[in-house]
Amino acid sequence: MNTLTDLTQRIEESLDSIRPYLEADGGNVRIQEITDGNIVKLEFLGACGSCPMSTMTFKAGVEEAIKRSVPEIKGIEVVNLTV
């Protein structure tokens, strides 16, 4: 069984693989919460919060990176995705 700290660290590492792309466009992402049911709640920061491409970035980049690196995560939500 993975501890919350281990899960958080592994998720952060997966996010680090895509952060340079987000930062290049003036944005970023942070973990807001990991629920008991292994649902990750993320917050898009900067330009990512209002970018019309955020949904695609989330699905193709963020979600894929986390699922590939941390398969025990059951779901991923962005709390402030406005598009």
Protein backbone atom coordinates (compact mmCIF):
# COMPACT_ATOMS: atom_id res chain seq x y z
CA MET A 1 0.00 0.00 0.00
CA ASN A 2 1.36 3.39 -0.96
CA THR A 3 1.41 6.21 1.50
CA LEU A 4 -0.08 9.57 0.61
CA THR A 5 3.42 11.05 0.63
CA ASP A 6 4.63 8.45 -1.86
CA LEU A 7 1.62 9.02 -4.11
CA THR A 8 2.08 12.78 -3.96
CA GLN A 9 5.77 12.50 -4.81
CA ARG A 10 5.10 10.19 -7.77
CA ILE A 11 2.33 12.46 -9.08
CA GLU A 12 4.61 15.50 -8.74
CA GLU A 13 7.31 13.67 -10.69
CA SER A 14 4.83 12.87 -13.47
CA LEU A 15 3.72 16.51 -13.53
CA ASP A 16 7.36 17.63 -13.70
CA SER A 17 7.61 15.85 -17.06
CA ILE A 18 5.02 18.20 -18.58
CA ARG A 19 5.57 21.37 -16.51
CA PRO A 20 8.08 22.88 -18.96
CA TYR A 21 5.37 22.89 -21.64
CA LEU A 22 2.84 24.48 -19.31
CA GLU A 23 5.35 27.05 -18.07
CA ALA A 24 6.33 27.96 -21.64
CA ASP A 25 2.74 29.14 -22.12
CA GLY A 26 2.59 30.97 -18.78
CA GLY A 27 0.83 28.28 -16.78
CA ASN A 28 1.38 25.47 -14.33
CA VAL A 29 -0.53 22.87 -12.34
CA ARG A 30 -0.60 21.93 -8.67
CA ILE A 31 -2.06 19.13 -6.63
CA GLN A 32 -4.91 20.40 -4.51
CA GLU A 33 -5.97 17.10 -2.95
CA ILE A 34 -5.69 13.34 -3.20
CA THR A 35 -8.89 11.76 -1.88
CA ASP A 36 -9.20 8.49 0.02
CA GLY A 37 -10.52 6.95 -3.19
CA ASN A 38 -7.30 7.86 -5.04
CA ILE A 39 -8.86 10.73 -6.97
CA VAL A 40 -6.40 13.53 -7.68
CA LYS A 41 -7.77 17.05 -7.66
CA LEU A 42 -5.58 19.50 -9.55
CA GLU A 43 -5.61 23.24 -10.00
CA PHE A 44 -4.43 24.89 -13.18
CA LEU A 45 -2.40 28.01 -12.47
CA GLY A 46 -1.64 31.13 -14.48
CA ALA A 47 -2.63 31.07 -18.13
CA CYS A 48 -3.75 27.42 -17.88
CA GLY A 49 -6.80 28.42 -15.84
CA SER A 50 -8.40 30.32 -18.70
CA CYS A 51 -6.74 28.94 -21.84
CA PRO A 52 -9.20 27.52 -24.40
CA MET A 53 -6.79 24.61 -24.94
CA SER A 54 -6.82 23.63 -21.25
CA THR A 55 -9.21 20.72 -21.75
CA MET A 56 -6.99 19.22 -24.45
CA THR A 57 -3.85 19.89 -22.40
CA PHE A 58 -5.46 18.17 -19.42
CA LYS A 59 -6.59 15.07 -21.34
CA ALA A 60 -3.56 14.59 -23.59
CA GLY A 61 -0.85 15.82 -21.23
CA VAL A 62 -1.61 16.00 -17.55
CA GLU A 63 -4.03 13.08 -17.24
CA GLU A 64 -1.94 10.81 -19.47
CA ALA A 65 1.28 11.58 -17.57
CA ILE A 66 -0.29 10.79 -14.19
CA LYS A 67 -2.05 7.61 -15.34
CA ARG A 68 1.14 6.32 -16.94
CA SER A 69 3.30 6.97 -13.86
CA VAL A 70 0.80 6.31 -11.06
CA PRO A 71 -1.64 3.63 -12.27
CA GLU A 72 -3.35 3.25 -8.90
CA ILE A 73 -4.91 6.71 -9.34
CA LYS A 74 -8.60 6.11 -10.12
CA GLY A 75 -9.47 9.54 -11.47
CA ILE A 76 -8.17 13.04 -12.10
CA GLU A 77 -10.17 16.24 -11.85
CA VAL A 78 -9.25 19.85 -12.43
CA VAL A 79 -11.13 22.01 -9.95
CA ASN A 80 -10.88 25.25 -11.91
CA LEU A 81 -11.15 24.12 -15.52
CA THR A 82 -13.37 26.83 -17.02
CA VAL A 83 -13.59 25.69 -20.62
